[in-house]
Amino acid sequence: MSTHAEVRYGDDELSEQVVHDYLAAHPDFFEKHPSLLSALHLPHPTGGAVSLVERQVSVLRQKDRKLERQLKDLIEVARANDLLSAKIHELTLQLLATTDLRGTVRALEVAMRSGFGAEHAVLIVFGDPDDFTDVDAGRFFRVVHKGAEELGPFKTFLNGSSARCGKIRDAQKAFLFQGDADEVGSAALVPLSDASEIGFLAVGSTDAKRFHPGMSIDFLTRLGDLVAGALKRF
């Protein structure tokens, strides 16, 4: 038995599907029968009734508003991407101008805090701290033995090859951001080379939604590649 409503004309029965298929196959039907078009009325969502033409106009307006919102979102994303690309380009030029590790680290710190607006940022480099005593960049630059016990909470991340975004564990926050750990609501961990061969960059935000697992990591990946390339020079 058909599940569609039926319209009876004498002994004939027309299902809604038959009417639907006929109109779909003959889109010019109402052009040939304008009087029927003007006579049709449909229930209005807010009460009363409107003509079929008015209803169609209303539907088209709703679609138009939806498309406008989508276009606006795309434009905002494009502008944000352009801005990030410009900042990456500027950082690249700054790093190319550096002649030693100290200058490279300093350029990175300034770019992260000023250029990229990072509230908290830490550059972790694997190695012997005694080999980097000539680099003084405050809390931004940290040299840690790769097998250090403090890196235990980062084991899963360090074994991977992609950036991680979202809320991080208390032990991770305490190690990275120390006295500012309680201020960090979300963070991004960016590996430097495959499996964090050189180290990693950590960026923290007071906004718990600033970094989240569903966000695109393309920009962070490029940043990690750029920083890794700059550090490998020295």
Protein backbone atom coordinates (compact mmCIF):
# COMPACT_ATOMS: atom_id res chain seq x y z
CA MET A 1 0.00 0.00 0.00
CA SER A 2 1.31 3.48 -0.87
CA THR A 3 2.42 5.62 2.03
CA HIS A 4 1.65 8.83 0.13
CA ALA A 5 -1.57 10.75 0.58
CA GLU A 6 -4.04 10.21 -2.25
CA VAL A 7 -6.38 12.54 -4.10
CA ARG A 8 -9.55 11.01 -5.58
CA TYR A 9 -11.17 12.15 -8.81
CA GLY A 10 -14.05 9.86 -9.56
CA ASP A 11 -12.61 6.39 -9.75
CA ASP A 12 -9.03 7.64 -10.23
CA GLU A 13 -6.49 8.01 -7.51
CA LEU A 14 -3.50 10.35 -7.67
CA SER A 15 -0.76 9.94 -5.08
CA GLU A 16 1.35 12.87 -3.91
CA GLN A 17 4.34 11.18 -5.51
CA VAL A 18 2.64 11.09 -8.92
CA VAL A 19 1.86 14.81 -8.69
CA HIS A 20 5.40 15.52 -7.49
CA ASP A 21 6.96 13.54 -10.35
CA TYR A 22 4.71 15.17 -12.95
CA LEU A 23 5.54 18.70 -11.81
CA ALA A 24 9.24 17.85 -11.63
CA ALA A 25 9.08 16.58 -15.20
CA HIS A 26 7.10 19.62 -16.39
CA PRO A 27 8.60 22.71 -14.71
CA ASP A 28 6.70 24.97 -17.12
CA PHE A 29 3.30 23.65 -15.94
CA PHE A 30 2.41 26.79 -13.96
CA GLU A 31 3.57 29.03 -16.81
CA LYS A 32 0.92 27.39 -18.96
CA HIS A 33 -1.67 27.67 -16.18
CA PRO A 34 -1.05 31.06 -14.45
CA SER A 35 -4.59 31.24 -13.09
CA LEU A 36 -4.00 28.03 -11.13
CA LEU A 37 -0.72 29.38 -9.76
CA SER A 38 -2.33 32.54 -8.41
CA ALA A 39 -5.18 30.51 -6.89
CA LEU A 40 -2.92 28.22 -4.86
CA HIS A 41 -2.34 29.17 -1.22
CA LEU A 42 -0.06 27.58 1.34
CA PRO A 43 -0.07 27.76 5.14
CA HIS A 44 2.27 30.45 6.45
CA PRO A 45 4.63 29.52 9.32
CA THR A 46 3.39 32.51 11.35
CA GLY A 47 -0.28 31.94 10.60
CA GLY A 48 -2.66 32.72 7.75
CA ALA A 49 -1.96 31.76 4.16
CA VAL A 50 0.20 32.98 1.31
CA SER A 51 0.23 32.32 -2.39
CA LEU A 52 2.60 29.79 -3.87
CA VAL A 53 4.61 32.60 -5.47
CA GLU A 54 4.96 34.41 -2.13
CA ARG A 55 6.08 31.19 -0.49
CA GLN A 56 8.66 30.60 -3.18
CA VAL A 57 9.98 34.14 -2.75
CA SER A 58 10.22 33.56 1.01
CA VAL A 59 12.15 30.32 0.51
CA LEU A 60 14.52 32.00 -1.94
CA ARG A 61 15.14 34.84 0.48
CA GLN A 62 15.99 32.36 3.23
CA LYS A 63 18.42 30.57 0.92
CA ASP A 64 19.92 33.92 -0.05
CA ARG A 65 20.52 34.87 3.57
CA LYS A 66 22.14 31.48 4.21
CA LEU A 67 24.44 31.89 1.21
CA GLU A 68 25.34 35.41 2.36
CA ARG A 69 26.37 34.06 5.76
CA GLN A 70 28.42 31.29 4.15
CA LEU A 71 30.11 33.78 1.84
CA LYS A 72 30.86 36.08 4.76
CA ASP A 73 32.43 33.19 6.68
CA LEU A 74 34.56 32.21 3.68
CA ILE A 75 35.75 35.79 3.23
CA GLU A 76 36.71 36.03 6.91
CA VAL A 77 38.63 32.74 6.69
CA ALA A 78 40.40 33.91 3.52
CA ARG A 79 41.39 37.20 5.16
CA ALA A 80 42.69 35.38 8.23
CA ASN A 81 44.71 33.00 6.03
CA ASP A 82 46.15 35.92 4.07
CA LEU A 83 47.19 37.59 7.32
CA LEU A 84 48.85 34.42 8.61
CA SER A 85 50.64 33.92 5.30
CA ALA A 86 51.97 37.47 5.48
CA LYS A 87 53.22 36.89 9.02
CA ILE A 88 54.91 33.62 8.02
CA HIS A 89 56.59 35.44 5.15
CA GLU A 90 57.77 38.21 7.46
CA LEU A 91 59.12 35.69 9.98
CA THR A 92 60.93 33.85 7.19
CA LEU A 93 62.72 37.04 6.16
CA GLN A 94 63.66 37.77 9.77
CA LEU A 95 65.07 34.28 10.27
CA LEU A 96 67.07 34.47 7.05
CA ALA A 97 68.69 37.64 8.36
CA THR A 98 69.92 35.99 11.56
CA THR A 99 73.52 34.81 11.78
CA ASP A 100 73.53 32.73 14.95
CA LEU A 101 71.29 30.70 17.25
CA ARG A 102 70.85 33.55 19.71
CA GLY A 103 69.50 35.83 16.99
CA THR A 104 67.24 33.08 15.66
CA VAL A 105 65.70 32.39 19.07
CA ARG A 106 65.23 36.10 19.70
CA ALA A 107 63.50 36.56 16.33
CA LEU A 108 61.19 33.65 17.08
CA GLU A 109 60.28 35.01 20.50
CA VAL A 110 59.44 38.46 19.17
CA ALA A 111 57.40 36.97 16.30
CA MET A 112 55.39 34.70 18.60
CA ARG A 113 54.54 37.40 21.11
CA SER A 114 54.15 40.40 18.80
CA GLY A 115 53.51 39.08 15.31
CA PHE A 116 51.31 36.12 16.18
CA GLY A 117 49.87 37.46 19.42
CA ALA A 118 50.75 34.38 21.47
CA GLU A 119 49.93 34.96 25.14
CA HIS A 120 52.33 32.21 26.18
CA ALA A 121 55.00 30.54 24.08
CA VAL A 122 57.86 28.17 24.87
CA LEU A 123 60.48 26.75 22.52
CA ILE A 124 61.74 23.38 23.73
CA VAL A 125 65.00 22.20 22.17
CA PHE A 126 66.47 18.76 22.86
CA GLY A 127 70.11 18.70 23.86
CA ASP A 128 72.59 19.36 26.63
CA PRO A 129 71.79 22.63 28.46
CA ASP A 130 75.51 23.21 28.96
CA ASP A 131 75.93 23.58 25.20
CA PHE A 132 73.52 26.51 25.04
CA THR A 133 74.67 28.77 27.86
CA ASP A 134 75.28 31.60 25.38
CA VAL A 135 71.58 31.75 24.46
CA ASP A 136 69.60 33.76 26.99
CA ALA A 137 65.95 34.14 25.99
CA GLY A 138 64.31 33.93 29.40
CA ARG A 139 61.47 31.45 29.81
CA PHE A 140 60.81 31.28 26.06
CA PHE A 141 63.85 29.08 25.33
CA ARG A 142 64.38 25.81 27.18
CA VAL A 143 66.96 23.12 26.48
CA VAL A 144 66.07 19.67 27.80
CA HIS A 145 67.67 16.24 27.49
CA LYS A 146 65.38 14.22 25.23
CA GLY A 147 65.23 11.42 27.77
CA ALA A 148 64.40 13.73 30.67
CA GLU A 149 61.78 12.46 33.10
CA GLU A 150 59.81 15.72 32.75
CA LEU A 151 59.03 14.78 29.15
CA GLY A 152 57.16 11.64 30.19
CA PRO A 153 53.71 13.28 29.92
CA PHE A 154 54.52 14.18 26.29
CA LYS A 155 55.41 10.64 25.18
CA THR A 156 52.41 10.15 22.87
CA PHE A 157 52.86 13.55 21.26
CA LEU A 158 56.60 13.11 20.80
CA ASN A 159 56.08 9.77 19.07
CA GLY A 160 53.75 11.40 16.54
CA SER A 161 54.45 13.76 13.69
CA SER A 162 51.61 16.28 13.76
CA ALA A 163 50.59 19.25 15.86
CA ARG A 164 48.21 18.72 18.79
CA CYS A 165 45.62 21.28 19.81
CA GLY A 166 43.26 21.52 22.76
CA LYS A 167 43.40 21.23 26.52
CA ILE A 168 46.57 19.69 27.87
CA ARG A 169 47.28 17.81 31.08
CA ASP A 170 48.21 19.64 34.26
CA ALA A 171 51.66 18.04 34.28
CA GLN A 172 52.27 19.29 30.74
CA LYS A 173 51.11 22.81 31.56
CA ALA A 174 53.25 22.94 34.69
CA PHE A 175 56.36 21.87 32.77
CA LEU A 176 55.80 24.22 29.83
CA PHE A 177 54.33 27.35 31.36
CA GLN A 178 55.48 27.02 34.95
CA GLY A 179 54.11 29.95 36.99
CA ASP A 180 51.62 30.82 34.24
CA ALA A 181 50.20 27.30 34.02
CA ASP A 182 46.90 28.17 35.71
CA GLU A 183 46.25 30.89 33.10
CA VAL A 184 46.43 28.50 30.14
CA GLY A 185 43.03 27.23 28.99
CA SER A 186 44.17 25.60 25.74
CA ALA A 187 47.42 25.02 23.91
CA ALA A 188 49.03 23.96 20.66
CA LEU A 189 52.04 21.64 20.60
CA VAL A 190 54.01 21.83 17.37
CA PRO A 191 56.72 19.23 16.57
CA LEU A 192 59.99 20.45 15.09
CA SER A 193 60.86 17.89 12.39
CA ASP A 194 59.48 14.35 12.30
CA ALA A 195 58.82 12.85 15.74
CA SER A 196 59.97 16.14 17.27
CA GLU A 197 63.58 15.35 16.37
CA ILE A 198 64.80 18.83 17.33
CA GLY A 199 62.18 19.67 19.93
CA PHE A 200 58.79 21.33 19.88
CA LEU A 201 57.06 24.66 20.14
CA ALA A 202 54.27 25.17 22.67
CA VAL A 203 51.76 28.02 22.37
CA GLY A 204 49.27 28.65 25.16
CA SER A 205 46.12 30.74 25.37
CA THR A 206 43.90 31.83 28.23
CA ASP A 207 40.94 31.09 25.96
CA ALA A 208 39.86 27.48 26.43
CA LYS A 209 38.43 27.46 22.89
CA ARG A 210 41.36 29.14 21.13
CA PHE A 211 43.03 25.81 20.32
CA HIS A 212 40.81 22.78 19.85
CA PRO A 213 41.18 19.29 18.30
CA GLY A 214 38.93 20.13 15.34
CA MET A 215 40.88 23.15 14.11
CA SER A 216 43.04 23.16 11.01
CA ILE A 217 46.73 22.59 11.75
CA ASP A 218 48.08 23.63 8.33
CA PHE A 219 49.41 26.93 9.65
CA LEU A 220 50.98 25.28 12.70
CA THR A 221 52.62 22.64 10.49
CA ARG A 222 54.18 25.34 8.29
CA LEU A 223 55.35 27.21 11.35
CA GLY A 224 56.93 24.05 12.75
CA ASP A 225 58.72 23.33 9.47
CA LEU A 226 60.01 26.90 9.32
CA VAL A 227 61.29 26.90 12.90
CA ALA A 228 62.91 23.49 12.46
CA GLY A 229 64.68 24.64 9.30
CA ALA A 230 65.94 27.78 11.02
CA LEU A 231 67.30 25.88 14.03
CA LYS A 232 69.03 23.26 11.88
CA ARG A 233 71.24 26.00 10.46
CA PHE A 234 73.03 26.18 13.79
